[in-house]
């Protein structure tokens, strides 16, 4: 069994943004030679998450709208009084409670096991950010 990993660096431009990472993940998977295994995609940030969901532009807009309504930025957040980096981002941390920091996806015959409509999303909750990262780790056999 082989264990391989890599990091994908990205930039976000919106306060809350959903980026489809499926193509980049698939491209890396092809370079590994792994035919059967398990891929884990992990966000390296407490204010950004990973999610497998449907790829449809209007739905992605609905998701952003729901996140903004669910945990408003202008809430009375204590963390904003003591934030070490000066960012008023307590809402981003609270939103993170609702999502996964990682997703594990089966690999069969060298392909991600995803449904027809499914995609792997990086979900920015505290943007814009110049540097964000996803860690990919695969365990499997060629």
N, C-alpha and C. Protein backbone atom coordinates (compact mmCIF):
# COMPACT_ATOMS: atom_id res chain seq x y z
N UNK A 1 0.84 -1.18 0.00
CA UNK A 1 0.00 0.00 0.00
C UNK A 1 0.89 1.24 0.00
N UNK A 2 0.48 2.23 -0.79
CA UNK A 2 1.19 3.50 -0.84
C UNK A 2 0.36 4.56 -0.13
N UNK A 3 1.07 5.51 0.49
CA UNK A 3 0.44 6.69 1.07
C UNK A 3 1.14 7.89 0.46
N UNK A 4 0.37 8.74 -0.20
CA UNK A 4 0.90 9.92 -0.86
C UNK A 4 0.11 11.15 -0.44
N UNK A 5 0.76 12.30 -0.49
CA UNK A 5 0.02 13.53 -0.16
C UNK A 5 0.59 14.71 -0.93
N UNK A 6 -0.26 15.73 -1.01
CA UNK A 6 0.13 16.98 -1.64
C UNK A 6 -0.71 18.09 -1.05
N UNK A 7 -0.35 19.30 -1.39
CA UNK A 7 -1.10 20.47 -0.93
C UNK A 7 -1.51 21.30 -2.13
N UNK A 8 -2.76 21.75 -2.13
CA UNK A 8 -3.25 22.67 -3.14
C UNK A 8 -3.37 24.03 -2.49
N UNK A 9 -2.71 25.02 -3.07
CA UNK A 9 -2.79 26.40 -2.58
C UNK A 9 -3.82 27.15 -3.41
N UNK A 10 -4.58 28.03 -2.78
CA UNK A 10 -5.58 28.80 -3.49
C UNK A 10 -5.78 30.16 -2.84
N UNK A 11 -6.46 31.03 -3.56
CA UNK A 11 -6.80 32.36 -3.10
C UNK A 11 -8.31 32.53 -3.18
N UNK A 12 -8.89 33.24 -2.20
CA UNK A 12 -10.32 33.52 -2.25
C UNK A 12 -10.52 35.03 -2.34
N UNK A 13 -11.66 35.42 -2.90
CA UNK A 13 -11.91 36.84 -3.15
C UNK A 13 -13.20 37.35 -2.52
N UNK A 14 -14.00 36.46 -1.93
CA UNK A 14 -15.26 36.85 -1.31
C UNK A 14 -15.25 36.50 0.17
N UNK A 15 -16.08 37.19 0.98
CA UNK A 15 -16.16 36.86 2.41
C UNK A 15 -16.58 35.41 2.63
N UNK A 16 -17.59 34.96 1.90
CA UNK A 16 -18.00 33.55 1.90
C UNK A 16 -18.00 33.13 0.44
N UNK A 17 -17.25 32.08 0.15
CA UNK A 17 -17.08 31.66 -1.24
C UNK A 17 -16.98 30.15 -1.31
N UNK A 18 -17.61 29.58 -2.32
CA UNK A 18 -17.59 28.14 -2.52
C UNK A 18 -16.85 27.86 -3.83
N UNK A 19 -15.70 27.19 -3.72
CA UNK A 19 -14.86 26.93 -4.88
C UNK A 19 -14.85 25.44 -5.19
N UNK A 20 -15.13 25.10 -6.43
CA UNK A 20 -15.12 23.71 -6.87
C UNK A 20 -13.68 23.27 -7.09
N UNK A 21 -13.24 22.31 -6.31
CA UNK A 21 -11.86 21.82 -6.37
C UNK A 21 -11.77 20.45 -7.04
N UNK A 22 -12.87 19.94 -7.55
CA UNK A 22 -12.93 18.58 -8.07
C UNK A 22 -11.90 18.34 -9.17
N UNK A 23 -11.79 19.26 -10.12
CA UNK A 23 -10.85 19.10 -11.22
C UNK A 23 -9.42 18.99 -10.75
N UNK A 24 -9.02 19.87 -9.83
CA UNK A 24 -7.65 19.83 -9.32
C UNK A 24 -7.38 18.55 -8.54
N UNK A 25 -8.37 18.09 -7.78
CA UNK A 25 -8.20 16.84 -7.03
C UNK A 25 -8.08 15.67 -8.01
N UNK A 26 -8.93 15.63 -9.02
CA UNK A 26 -8.85 14.55 -10.02
C UNK A 26 -7.50 14.57 -10.74
N UNK A 27 -7.04 15.77 -11.11
CA UNK A 27 -5.76 15.88 -11.81
C UNK A 27 -4.62 15.30 -10.97
N UNK A 28 -4.62 15.60 -9.67
CA UNK A 28 -3.56 15.07 -8.80
C UNK A 28 -3.69 13.56 -8.66
N UNK A 29 -4.92 13.09 -8.49
CA UNK A 29 -5.15 11.65 -8.35
C UNK A 29 -4.54 10.88 -9.53
N UNK A 30 -4.70 11.41 -10.73
CA UNK A 30 -4.15 10.74 -11.92
C UNK A 30 -2.63 10.60 -11.83
N UNK A 31 -1.95 11.56 -11.20
CA UNK A 31 -0.48 11.51 -11.11
C UNK A 31 0.01 10.48 -10.11
N UNK A 32 -0.87 10.02 -9.22
CA UNK A 32 -0.44 9.12 -8.14
C UNK A 32 -0.32 7.67 -8.60
N UNK A 33 -1.05 7.30 -9.63
CA UNK A 33 -1.06 5.90 -10.05
C UNK A 33 -1.91 5.00 -9.18
N UNK A 34 -2.56 5.56 -8.18
CA UNK A 34 -3.41 4.77 -7.28
C UNK A 34 -4.69 4.39 -8.02
N UNK A 35 -5.02 3.11 -7.98
CA UNK A 35 -6.23 2.61 -8.64
C UNK A 35 -7.36 2.33 -7.65
N UNK A 36 -7.00 1.89 -6.45
CA UNK A 36 -7.99 1.55 -5.42
C UNK A 36 -7.51 2.13 -4.10
N UNK A 37 -8.37 2.89 -3.42
CA UNK A 37 -7.93 3.45 -2.16
C UNK A 37 -8.92 4.43 -1.57
N UNK A 38 -8.40 5.26 -0.70
CA UNK A 38 -9.21 6.25 0.00
C UNK A 38 -8.46 7.57 0.00
N UNK A 39 -9.12 8.60 -0.48
CA UNK A 39 -8.55 9.95 -0.54
C UNK A 39 -9.21 10.80 0.53
N UNK A 40 -8.40 11.50 1.31
CA UNK A 40 -8.91 12.44 2.29
C UNK A 40 -8.49 13.85 1.88
N UNK A 41 -9.46 14.75 1.83
CA UNK A 41 -9.24 16.15 1.48
C UNK A 41 -9.51 16.95 2.75
N UNK A 42 -8.49 17.70 3.22
CA UNK A 42 -8.59 18.39 4.51
C UNK A 42 -8.31 19.88 4.34
N UNK A 43 -9.16 20.70 4.92
CA UNK A 43 -8.90 22.14 4.99
C UNK A 43 -7.89 22.38 6.09
N UNK A 44 -6.95 23.26 5.83
CA UNK A 44 -5.91 23.58 6.81
C UNK A 44 -6.29 24.79 7.67
N UNK A 45 -7.56 25.14 7.68
CA UNK A 45 -7.99 26.38 8.34
C UNK A 45 -9.24 26.16 9.18
N UNK A 46 -9.33 26.90 10.29
CA UNK A 46 -10.52 26.80 11.13
C UNK A 46 -11.67 27.63 10.58
N UNK A 47 -11.40 28.51 9.62
CA UNK A 47 -12.45 29.34 9.03
C UNK A 47 -12.65 29.03 7.55
N UNK A 48 -12.32 27.82 7.16
CA UNK A 48 -12.60 27.32 5.82
C UNK A 48 -12.83 25.82 5.94
N UNK A 49 -13.73 25.30 5.14
CA UNK A 49 -14.12 23.91 5.27
C UNK A 49 -14.14 23.20 3.92
N UNK A 50 -14.36 21.90 3.97
CA UNK A 50 -14.46 21.07 2.78
C UNK A 50 -15.85 20.43 2.79
N UNK A 51 -16.47 20.35 1.61
CA UNK A 51 -17.80 19.80 1.53
C UNK A 51 -18.00 19.12 0.19
N UNK A 52 -18.66 17.98 0.21
CA UNK A 52 -19.10 17.32 -1.03
C UNK A 52 -20.57 17.64 -1.17
N UNK A 53 -20.91 18.25 -2.29
CA UNK A 53 -22.31 18.63 -2.50
C UNK A 53 -22.56 18.76 -4.00
N UNK A 54 -23.75 19.19 -4.35
CA UNK A 54 -24.12 19.30 -5.76
C UNK A 54 -23.48 20.53 -6.41
N UNK A 55 -22.97 20.32 -7.62
CA UNK A 55 -22.40 21.42 -8.40
C UNK A 55 -23.50 22.01 -9.27
N UNK A 56 -24.03 23.13 -8.83
CA UNK A 56 -25.05 23.86 -9.59
C UNK A 56 -24.97 25.31 -9.14
N UNK A 57 -24.69 26.25 -10.02
CA UNK A 57 -24.40 27.64 -9.63
C UNK A 57 -25.48 28.30 -8.77
N UNK A 58 -26.74 28.09 -9.08
CA UNK A 58 -27.79 28.73 -8.27
C UNK A 58 -27.84 28.14 -6.87
N UNK A 59 -27.61 26.84 -6.76
CA UNK A 59 -27.57 26.20 -5.45
C UNK A 59 -26.41 26.74 -4.63
N UNK A 60 -25.26 26.93 -5.27
CA UNK A 60 -24.11 27.48 -4.55
C UNK A 60 -24.42 28.89 -4.04
N UNK A 61 -25.13 29.69 -4.81
CA UNK A 61 -25.55 31.02 -4.33
C UNK A 61 -26.50 30.87 -3.15
N UNK A 62 -27.41 29.90 -3.23
CA UNK A 62 -28.33 29.64 -2.12
C UNK A 62 -27.57 29.25 -0.85
N UNK A 63 -26.53 28.45 -1.02
CA UNK A 63 -25.73 28.03 0.13
C UNK A 63 -25.06 29.22 0.81
N UNK A 64 -24.50 30.11 0.02
CA UNK A 64 -23.85 31.31 0.57
C UNK A 64 -24.90 32.16 1.30
N UNK A 65 -26.05 32.35 0.69
CA UNK A 65 -27.12 33.13 1.33
C UNK A 65 -27.52 32.51 2.65
N UNK A 66 -27.67 31.18 2.68
CA UNK A 66 -28.06 30.50 3.91
C UNK A 66 -27.00 30.67 5.00
N UNK A 67 -25.73 30.52 4.62
CA UNK A 67 -24.66 30.68 5.61
C UNK A 67 -24.67 32.08 6.22
N UNK A 68 -24.86 33.08 5.39
CA UNK A 68 -24.90 34.47 5.89
C UNK A 68 -26.08 34.68 6.82
N UNK A 69 -27.22 34.09 6.51
CA UNK A 69 -28.40 34.24 7.37
C UNK A 69 -28.27 33.43 8.66
N UNK A 70 -27.67 32.27 8.53
CA UNK A 70 -27.58 31.35 9.67
C UNK A 70 -26.75 31.93 10.81
N UNK A 71 -25.59 32.49 10.47
CA UNK A 71 -24.70 33.06 11.48
C UNK A 71 -24.25 34.43 10.97
N UNK A 72 -24.97 35.48 11.36
CA UNK A 72 -24.65 36.81 10.84
C UNK A 72 -23.30 37.33 11.32
N UNK A 73 -22.62 38.01 10.44
CA UNK A 73 -21.32 38.60 10.75
C UNK A 73 -21.41 39.63 11.87
N UNK A 74 -22.50 40.37 11.92
CA UNK A 74 -22.62 41.47 12.89
C UNK A 74 -23.22 41.04 14.23
N UNK A 75 -23.14 39.75 14.55
CA UNK A 75 -23.62 39.28 15.85
C UNK A 75 -22.75 39.83 16.98
N UNK A 76 -23.21 39.66 18.18
CA UNK A 76 -22.49 40.13 19.37
C UNK A 76 -21.49 39.05 19.80
N UNK A 77 -20.40 38.92 19.06
CA UNK A 77 -19.44 37.85 19.24
C UNK A 77 -18.29 38.27 20.15
N UNK A 78 -18.08 37.54 21.23
CA UNK A 78 -17.01 37.84 22.18
C UNK A 78 -15.63 37.67 21.55
N UNK A 79 -15.48 36.69 20.68
CA UNK A 79 -14.18 36.44 20.04
C UNK A 79 -13.67 37.69 19.32
N UNK A 80 -14.58 38.48 18.76
CA UNK A 80 -14.17 39.68 18.02
C UNK A 80 -13.49 40.70 18.93
N UNK A 81 -13.71 40.61 20.22
CA UNK A 81 -13.07 41.53 21.16
C UNK A 81 -11.63 41.15 21.46
N UNK A 82 -11.25 39.90 21.20
CA UNK A 82 -9.91 39.41 21.55
C UNK A 82 -9.20 38.71 20.40
N UNK A 83 -9.68 38.85 19.18
CA UNK A 83 -9.10 38.14 18.05
C UNK A 83 -7.61 38.46 17.92
N UNK A 84 -6.79 37.42 17.86
CA UNK A 84 -5.34 37.61 17.84
C UNK A 84 -4.84 38.24 16.54
N UNK A 85 -5.57 38.05 15.45
CA UNK A 85 -5.12 38.62 14.17
C UNK A 85 -5.90 39.87 13.79
N UNK A 86 -6.76 40.36 14.70
CA UNK A 86 -7.50 41.59 14.44
C UNK A 86 -8.69 41.42 13.51
N UNK A 87 -8.96 40.21 13.08
CA UNK A 87 -10.10 39.98 12.18
C UNK A 87 -11.37 39.76 12.99
N UNK A 88 -12.43 40.44 12.62
CA UNK A 88 -13.75 40.21 13.22
C UNK A 88 -14.34 38.97 12.56
N UNK A 89 -13.89 37.81 12.98
CA UNK A 89 -14.27 36.60 12.27
C UNK A 89 -14.90 35.52 13.14
N UNK A 90 -15.46 35.92 14.27
CA UNK A 90 -16.10 34.92 15.13
C UNK A 90 -17.19 34.17 14.38
N UNK A 91 -17.95 34.87 13.55
CA UNK A 91 -19.01 34.22 12.78
C UNK A 91 -18.45 33.11 11.90
N UNK A 92 -17.24 33.30 11.38
CA UNK A 92 -16.62 32.30 10.52
C UNK A 92 -16.30 31.03 11.30
N UNK A 93 -15.81 31.21 12.51
CA UNK A 93 -15.52 30.04 13.36
C UNK A 93 -16.81 29.31 13.74
N UNK A 94 -17.85 30.07 14.04
CA UNK A 94 -19.13 29.45 14.40
C UNK A 94 -19.71 28.71 13.21
N UNK A 95 -19.64 29.30 12.01
CA UNK A 95 -20.10 28.60 10.81
C UNK A 95 -19.33 27.29 10.61
N UNK A 96 -18.06 27.31 10.95
CA UNK A 96 -17.25 26.10 10.82
C UNK A 96 -17.77 24.93 11.62
N UNK A 97 -18.51 25.22 12.69
CA UNK A 97 -19.10 24.15 13.49
C UNK A 97 -20.11 23.34 12.70
N UNK A 98 -20.68 23.93 11.65
CA UNK A 98 -21.73 23.28 10.88
C UNK A 98 -21.21 22.41 9.74
N UNK A 99 -19.89 22.42 9.52
CA UNK A 99 -19.32 21.72 8.37
C UNK A 99 -18.12 20.88 8.78
N UNK A 100 -17.69 20.06 7.86
CA UNK A 100 -16.52 19.20 8.07
C UNK A 100 -15.24 19.94 7.71
N UNK A 101 -14.18 19.61 8.42
CA UNK A 101 -12.87 20.12 8.03
C UNK A 101 -12.22 19.20 7.01
N UNK A 102 -12.81 18.00 6.82
CA UNK A 102 -12.27 17.08 5.82
C UNK A 102 -13.38 16.20 5.27
N UNK A 103 -13.09 15.62 4.11
CA UNK A 103 -13.98 14.64 3.48
C UNK A 103 -13.11 13.49 3.00
N UNK A 104 -13.59 12.28 3.17
CA UNK A 104 -12.91 11.10 2.64
C UNK A 104 -13.73 10.55 1.50
N UNK A 105 -13.05 10.28 0.39
CA UNK A 105 -13.71 9.86 -0.84
C UNK A 105 -13.03 8.59 -1.35
N UNK A 106 -13.81 7.58 -1.60
CA UNK A 106 -13.27 6.33 -2.14
C UNK A 106 -12.72 6.56 -3.54
N UNK A 107 -11.71 5.75 -3.88
CA UNK A 107 -11.14 5.74 -5.22
C UNK A 107 -11.28 4.31 -5.74
N UNK A 108 -11.89 4.17 -6.92
CA UNK A 108 -12.08 2.86 -7.54
C UNK A 108 -11.71 2.97 -9.01
N UNK A 109 -10.91 2.04 -9.47
CA UNK A 109 -10.45 2.05 -10.87
C UNK A 109 -9.79 3.37 -11.24
N UNK A 110 -9.10 3.98 -10.30
CA UNK A 110 -8.37 5.22 -10.55
C UNK A 110 -9.23 6.47 -10.59
N UNK A 111 -10.50 6.35 -10.22
CA UNK A 111 -11.42 7.50 -10.27
C UNK A 111 -12.03 7.76 -8.90
N UNK A 112 -12.35 9.04 -8.63
CA UNK A 112 -13.08 9.40 -7.42
C UNK A 112 -14.48 8.79 -7.48
N UNK A 113 -14.93 8.23 -6.38
CA UNK A 113 -16.28 7.68 -6.32
C UNK A 113 -17.19 8.81 -5.84
N UNK A 114 -17.74 9.51 -6.83
CA UNK A 114 -18.67 10.61 -6.58
C UNK A 114 -19.91 10.40 -7.43
N UNK A 115 -21.05 10.86 -6.94
CA UNK A 115 -22.27 10.78 -7.72
C UNK A 115 -22.23 11.75 -8.90
N UNK A 116 -23.18 11.59 -9.80
CA UNK A 116 -23.22 12.39 -11.03
C UNK A 116 -23.18 13.89 -10.77
N UNK A 117 -23.81 14.33 -9.72
CA UNK A 117 -23.92 15.77 -9.45
C UNK A 117 -22.94 16.25 -8.39
N UNK A 118 -22.20 15.33 -7.79
CA UNK A 118 -21.35 15.70 -6.66
C UNK A 118 -20.04 16.33 -7.09
N UNK A 119 -19.59 17.26 -6.25
CA UNK A 119 -18.30 17.93 -6.45
C UNK A 119 -17.67 18.14 -5.08
N UNK A 120 -16.37 18.37 -5.08
CA UNK A 120 -15.63 18.65 -3.86
C UNK A 120 -15.44 20.16 -3.78
N UNK A 121 -15.94 20.75 -2.72
CA UNK A 121 -15.87 22.21 -2.58
C UNK A 121 -14.98 22.63 -1.42
N UNK A 122 -14.21 23.68 -1.65
CA UNK A 122 -13.53 24.43 -0.60
C UNK A 122 -14.49 25.55 -0.23
N UNK A 123 -14.86 25.65 1.04
CA UNK A 123 -15.82 26.65 1.48
C UNK A 123 -15.10 27.69 2.34
N UNK A 124 -14.88 28.86 1.76
CA UNK A 124 -14.26 29.98 2.47
C UNK A 124 -15.32 30.64 3.33
N UNK A 125 -15.00 30.83 4.61
CA UNK A 125 -15.93 31.47 5.54
C UNK A 125 -15.39 32.80 6.08
N UNK A 126 -14.17 33.16 5.73
CA UNK A 126 -13.53 34.35 6.30
C UNK A 126 -12.64 35.04 5.26
N UNK A 127 -13.17 35.23 4.08
CA UNK A 127 -12.38 35.83 3.01
C UNK A 127 -12.56 37.32 2.94
N UNK A 128 -11.89 37.89 2.00
CA UNK A 128 -10.96 37.24 1.08
C UNK A 128 -9.63 36.91 1.76
N UNK A 129 -8.99 35.88 1.24
CA UNK A 129 -7.69 35.44 1.76
C UNK A 129 -6.74 35.16 0.60
N UNK A 130 -5.52 35.65 0.73
CA UNK A 130 -4.52 35.44 -0.33
C UNK A 130 -4.01 34.02 -0.37
N UNK A 131 -3.88 33.38 0.80
CA UNK A 131 -3.32 32.03 0.84
C UNK A 131 -4.19 31.11 1.68
N UNK A 132 -4.71 30.11 1.02
CA UNK A 132 -5.46 29.06 1.68
C UNK A 132 -4.90 27.74 1.18
N UNK A 133 -5.15 26.68 1.92
CA UNK A 133 -4.60 25.40 1.51
C UNK A 133 -5.53 24.23 1.80
N UNK A 134 -5.46 23.28 0.89
CA UNK A 134 -6.11 21.98 1.07
C UNK A 134 -5.01 20.92 1.06
N UNK A 135 -5.07 20.02 1.99
CA UNK A 135 -4.14 18.89 2.04
C UNK A 135 -4.87 17.68 1.48
N UNK A 136 -4.23 17.00 0.54
CA UNK A 136 -4.78 15.77 -0.03
C UNK A 136 -3.87 14.62 0.40
N UNK A 137 -4.49 13.56 0.90
CA UNK A 137 -3.73 12.37 1.25
C UNK A 137 -4.49 11.15 0.74
N UNK A 138 -3.78 10.30 0.04
CA UNK A 138 -4.39 9.08 -0.48
C UNK A 138 -3.64 7.87 0.04
N UNK A 139 -4.42 6.86 0.41
CA UNK A 139 -3.88 5.56 0.79
C UNK A 139 -4.47 4.55 -0.17
N UNK A 140 -3.61 3.76 -0.80
CA UNK A 140 -4.17 2.79 -1.71
C UNK A 140 -3.10 2.04 -2.48
N UNK A 141 -3.57 1.32 -3.48
CA UNK A 141 -2.69 0.48 -4.29
C UNK A 141 -2.89 0.76 -5.76
N UNK A 142 -1.81 0.57 -6.50
CA UNK A 142 -1.84 0.79 -7.95
C UNK A 142 -2.53 -0.35 -8.66
